[in-house]
Protein backbone atom coordinates (compact mmCIF):
# COMPACT_ATOMS: atom_id res chain seq x y z
CA MET A 1 0.06 -0.06 0.13
CA ASN A 2 2.70 2.48 -0.73
CA ASN A 3 0.53 4.60 -3.19
CA THR A 4 -2.68 6.32 -2.75
CA ILE A 5 -5.62 4.14 -3.24
CA ASN A 6 -8.91 6.13 -4.55
CA ASN A 7 -11.13 3.55 -4.74
CA LEU A 8 -12.88 1.77 -1.86
CA GLU A 9 -12.63 -1.95 -2.82
CA PRO A 10 -8.81 -2.00 -3.63
CA LEU A 11 -8.16 -0.18 -0.48
CA ARG A 12 -10.14 -2.59 1.57
CA ALA A 13 -8.57 -5.45 -0.36
CA ALA A 14 -5.07 -4.23 0.41
CA LEU A 15 -6.02 -3.78 4.17
CA HIS A 16 -7.39 -7.01 4.61
CA LYS A 17 -4.34 -8.55 3.17
CA GLU A 18 -2.36 -7.41 6.41
CA ALA A 19 -4.87 -8.81 8.58
CA VAL A 20 -3.84 -11.34 11.05
CA PRO A 21 -5.33 -14.87 10.25
CA LEU A 22 -8.83 -15.41 11.90
CA ALA A 23 -7.29 -18.32 14.23
CA GLU A 24 -4.77 -15.64 15.75
CA ARG A 25 -6.99 -12.75 16.37
CA LYS A 26 -7.46 -11.56 19.67
CA ALA A 27 -9.44 -8.70 20.83
CA ILE A 28 -7.86 -8.74 24.14
CA PHE A 29 -8.52 -5.23 24.99
CA PHE A 30 -12.32 -5.32 24.43
CA LYS A 31 -15.02 -7.16 25.98
CA THR A 32 -16.78 -8.68 22.65
CA GLN A 33 -19.00 -11.57 24.39
CA PRO A 34 -22.71 -11.38 23.82
CA GLY A 35 -24.06 -8.54 26.12
CA GLU A 36 -20.73 -6.76 26.46
CA TYR A 37 -20.03 -3.62 25.38
CA ALA A 38 -17.96 -4.79 21.98
CA ALA A 39 -20.11 -7.52 21.13
CA HIS A 40 -21.08 -5.70 17.95
CA ASP A 41 -17.33 -5.41 16.92
CA GLN A 42 -15.11 -7.45 14.27
CA PHE A 43 -11.42 -7.04 14.41
CA LEU A 44 -9.07 -7.90 11.58
CA GLY A 45 -5.92 -7.67 13.90
CA ILE A 46 -4.05 -4.81 12.46
CA ALA A 47 -1.78 -2.71 14.58
CA THR A 48 -2.81 0.85 15.12
CA PRO A 49 0.51 2.10 13.89
CA ARG A 50 0.15 0.55 10.67
CA LEU A 51 -3.33 2.13 10.36
CA ARG A 52 -1.86 5.51 11.04
CA GLU A 53 0.71 4.93 8.17
CA ILE A 54 -2.15 3.91 5.80
CA ALA A 55 -4.25 6.96 6.82
CA LYS A 56 -1.20 9.28 5.88
CA ILE A 57 -0.78 7.73 2.51
CA ASN A 58 -4.66 7.64 1.78
CA HIS A 59 -5.46 11.20 3.61
CA SER A 60 -7.06 12.61 0.39
CA LEU A 61 -9.61 9.94 -0.33
CA PRO A 62 -13.06 11.33 -1.03
CA ASN A 63 -15.45 11.81 2.08
CA GLU A 64 -17.91 9.08 0.57
CA THR A 65 -15.22 6.71 0.68
CA VAL A 66 -14.19 7.36 4.15
CA LEU A 67 -17.68 7.27 5.44
CA GLU A 68 -18.11 3.85 3.79
CA LEU A 69 -15.04 2.83 5.95
CA LEU A 70 -16.67 4.59 8.91
CA HIS A 71 -19.80 2.39 8.59
CA SER A 72 -17.76 -0.70 8.35
CA PRO A 73 -18.44 -3.90 10.67
CA TYR A 74 -14.81 -3.97 11.26
CA ASN A 75 -13.03 -1.80 14.11
CA GLU A 76 -9.88 -1.36 12.30
CA GLU A 77 -11.72 0.21 9.19
CA ARG A 78 -13.68 2.62 11.48
CA LEU A 79 -10.39 3.49 13.06
CA LEU A 80 -8.78 4.07 9.63
CA ALA A 81 -11.56 6.33 8.65
CA LEU A 82 -11.14 8.51 11.78
CA PHE A 83 -7.47 8.73 11.29
CA ILE A 84 -8.06 9.79 7.90
CA PHE A 85 -10.37 12.50 8.95
CA ILE A 86 -7.80 13.48 11.44
CA GLU A 87 -5.15 13.97 8.79
CA ARG A 88 -7.58 16.04 6.75
CA TYR A 89 -8.91 18.07 9.93
CA GLN A 90 -5.12 19.00 10.94
CA LYS A 91 -3.97 19.90 7.32
CA GLY A 92 -7.41 21.67 6.46
CA ASP A 93 -8.56 25.14 6.63
CA ALA A 94 -11.36 26.46 8.64
CA ALA A 95 -14.04 25.33 6.09
CA CYS A 96 -12.18 21.80 5.93
CA LYS A 97 -12.11 21.60 9.53
CA LEU A 98 -15.65 22.35 10.15
CA GLN A 99 -16.86 19.89 7.53
CA ILE A 100 -14.94 17.35 9.27
CA TYR A 101 -16.64 18.13 12.53
CA LYS A 102 -19.95 17.93 10.98
CA LEU A 103 -19.21 14.52 9.31
CA TYR A 104 -18.14 13.36 12.80
CA GLN A 105 -21.36 14.53 14.24
CA GLN A 106 -23.47 13.00 11.77
CA HIS A 107 -21.88 9.76 11.86
CA ILE A 108 -21.08 9.84 15.80
CA LYS A 109 -22.95 6.29 16.29
CA GLN A 110 -20.34 4.70 14.29
CA ILE A 111 -17.73 5.80 16.88
CA ASN A 112 -18.70 2.96 19.00
CA ASN A 113 -15.84 1.54 21.13
CA TRP A 114 -13.26 3.16 23.51
CA ASN A 115 -10.42 3.05 21.08
CA LEU A 116 -12.32 4.96 18.35
CA VAL A 117 -13.57 7.57 20.64
CA ASP A 118 -9.88 8.01 22.45
CA ALA A 119 -7.96 8.36 18.99
CA SER A 120 -10.59 11.03 17.95
CA ALA A 121 -12.61 12.81 20.11
CA HIS A 122 -10.15 15.37 21.33
CA LEU A 123 -8.69 15.90 17.92
CA ILE A 124 -11.82 16.75 16.03
CA VAL A 125 -14.52 17.51 18.64
CA GLY A 126 -12.24 19.23 21.09
CA ALA A 127 -10.01 21.07 18.53
CA GLU A 128 -13.30 22.24 16.94
CA LEU A 129 -14.87 23.45 19.88
CA TYR A 130 -12.01 25.08 21.90
CA GLN A 131 -12.74 28.50 20.88
CA LYS A 132 -16.53 28.07 20.19
CA ASP A 133 -19.84 27.45 21.96
CA LYS A 134 -19.26 24.06 24.03
CA GLN A 135 -22.78 23.42 24.72
CA TYR A 136 -22.59 20.34 22.46
CA LEU A 137 -20.69 18.73 25.24
CA LEU A 138 -23.39 19.02 27.68
CA GLU A 139 -25.60 16.93 25.36
CA LEU A 140 -23.24 14.45 25.02
CA ALA A 141 -22.40 14.14 28.68
CA VAL A 142 -26.44 13.40 29.10
CA SER A 143 -26.53 10.92 26.24
CA ASP A 144 -28.02 7.58 26.78
CA LEU A 145 -25.28 6.18 24.60
CA LEU A 146 -22.03 5.31 26.65
CA TRP A 147 -19.95 6.26 23.84
CA GLU A 148 -21.22 9.74 23.60
CA ARG A 149 -20.76 10.32 27.19
CA ARG A 150 -16.97 9.17 26.44
CA ILE A 151 -16.65 11.60 23.74
CA ALA A 152 -17.81 14.49 25.99
CA ILE A 153 -14.94 13.67 28.71
CA VAL A 154 -12.44 12.75 26.22
CA ALA A 155 -12.77 15.94 23.88
CA THR A 156 -11.71 18.06 26.64
CA TRP A 157 -8.34 16.59 26.47
CA TYR A 158 -7.57 19.08 23.87
CA PHE A 159 -8.45 21.63 26.32
CA ILE A 160 -6.25 20.36 28.64
CA ARG A 161 -3.34 20.66 26.48
CA GLN A 162 -4.07 24.11 26.38
CA ASN A 163 -3.92 24.34 30.27
CA GLU A 164 -7.76 24.88 30.22
CA PHE A 165 -9.45 22.94 32.82
CA ASP A 166 -13.04 24.29 33.39
CA TRP A 167 -14.88 21.84 30.96
CA THR A 168 -12.86 18.76 32.27
CA ILE A 169 -14.24 19.52 35.49
CA LYS A 170 -17.71 20.46 34.29
CA ILE A 171 -18.21 17.21 32.43
CA ALA A 172 -16.62 15.13 35.17
CA GLU A 173 -19.13 16.36 37.59
CA LEU A 174 -21.88 15.48 35.13
CA LEU A 175 -20.31 11.98 34.75
CA LEU A 176 -19.81 11.27 38.52
CA LYS A 177 -22.91 9.07 39.08
CA ASP A 178 -22.26 7.17 35.70
CA LYS A 179 -22.87 3.55 36.19
CA GLN A 180 -20.50 2.60 33.33
CA ASP A 181 -16.90 1.40 34.15
CA LEU A 182 -15.43 2.95 30.81
CA ILE A 183 -16.82 6.43 31.83
CA HIS A 184 -15.21 5.89 35.36
CA LYS A 185 -11.83 5.07 33.48
CA ALA A 186 -12.19 7.93 30.99
CA VAL A 187 -13.05 10.53 33.71
CA GLY A 188 -10.08 9.38 35.92
CA TRP A 189 -7.68 9.53 32.94
CA MET A 190 -8.94 13.10 31.99
CA LEU A 191 -8.50 14.02 35.86
CA ARG A 192 -5.09 12.45 36.05
CA GLU A 193 -4.03 14.34 32.54
CA MET A 194 -5.27 17.76 34.19
CA GLY A 195 -3.24 17.11 37.17
CA LYS A 196 -0.18 16.43 35.38
CA ARG A 197 -0.43 19.80 34.00
CA ASP A 198 -1.63 21.73 37.21
CA ILE A 199 -1.94 19.65 40.55
CA THR A 200 -4.19 22.42 42.17
CA PRO A 201 -7.42 21.92 40.32
CA LEU A 202 -7.13 18.21 40.64
CA LEU A 203 -6.68 18.28 44.52
CA THR A 204 -9.54 20.65 44.68
CA PHE A 205 -11.63 18.27 42.64
CA LEU A 206 -10.66 15.23 44.80
CA ASP A 207 -10.96 17.13 48.03
CA THR A 208 -14.57 17.81 46.84
CA HIS A 209 -15.65 14.38 45.60
CA ALA A 210 -13.15 11.81 46.43
CA HIS A 211 -15.73 10.46 48.97
CA THR A 212 -18.44 9.82 46.44
CA MET A 213 -16.30 9.15 43.05
CA PRO A 214 -16.53 5.48 41.82
CA ARG A 215 -13.47 3.55 42.98
CA THR A 216 -12.07 3.17 39.36
CA MET A 217 -12.46 6.89 38.52
CA LEU A 218 -10.62 7.99 41.79
CA ARG A 219 -7.79 5.19 41.38
CA TYR A 220 -7.08 6.57 37.71
CA ALA A 221 -7.33 10.14 38.83
CA ILE A 222 -4.64 9.68 41.57
CA GLU A 223 -2.51 7.37 39.79
CA LYS A 224 0.41 10.20 39.33
CA LEU A 225 0.16 11.45 43.18
CA ASN A 226 2.82 9.79 45.66
CA ALA A 227 1.72 6.81 48.06
CA GLN A 228 0.69 8.98 50.91
CA SER A 229 -1.69 11.01 48.82
CA ARG A 230 -3.26 7.85 47.20
CA ALA A 231 -3.54 6.20 50.49
CA LEU A 232 -5.70 9.22 51.71
CA TYR A 233 -7.97 9.71 49.06
CA LEU A 234 -8.55 5.93 48.61
CA ALA A 235 -9.24 5.81 52.67
CA LYS A 236 -11.81 8.77 51.33
CA LYS A 237 -10.19 11.07 53.65
CA VAL A 238 -10.88 14.25 52.16
CA GLU A 239 -8.35 16.59 54.06
CA ARG A 240 -6.44 18.88 51.94
CA VAL A 241 -3.47 17.24 50.64
CA ASP A 242 -0.39 19.23 51.12
CA ILE A 243 0.96 20.27 47.66
CA LYS A 244 4.50 20.57 48.90
CA LYS A 245 4.43 16.98 50.34
CA TYR A 246 3.10 16.03 46.90
CA LYS A 247 6.12 17.54 45.23
């Protein structure tokens, strides 16, 4: 796959040639049993770095072709579509960026596994909304769909990278009582990322909410704190952790 492939079927055929044989495929990072969150998904066994390479080569594919990939039953084809859209978004002008963002919104139900959300939400939704009205994130945060709620919090990773934390905190508070473990992990992860940039808002959040946070969310959030601080928060002791001791 050394040259751009402008038709879906040759691209798909070339992609499937790189697939791991069926007997060797292991979706070890996904729960694919009936009734589990990834029961709908199929996997080819192609490594993510290879998909990124293919996306760079094929970033100029027509939107219609990319959307066909996004509607594939195969997780890797959907991920490839998102990588292509990210390539195009990052290289495009304002009109191009807005078009990709709107396509993401219109086809959001195809972004239906944690790896798809985590690879794309901050780089398209977060990037597009950074200096715009962010009401859409609130709508996603109260969605009945697990993946839309995860998009809401992971999108704020873009803001975190700009050292802006208000929306991470706002969405995290909305998701404190979420029942899904995948939301607990995502919220804790974003809080941890915030703390890596500035420990003060993380500690303030923990002092307020540690006693009611789901255990998984709390563990993810405090992962980079020192052992004493982690123990205090895990014990649900909400006295202010001394920042000097943390450092």
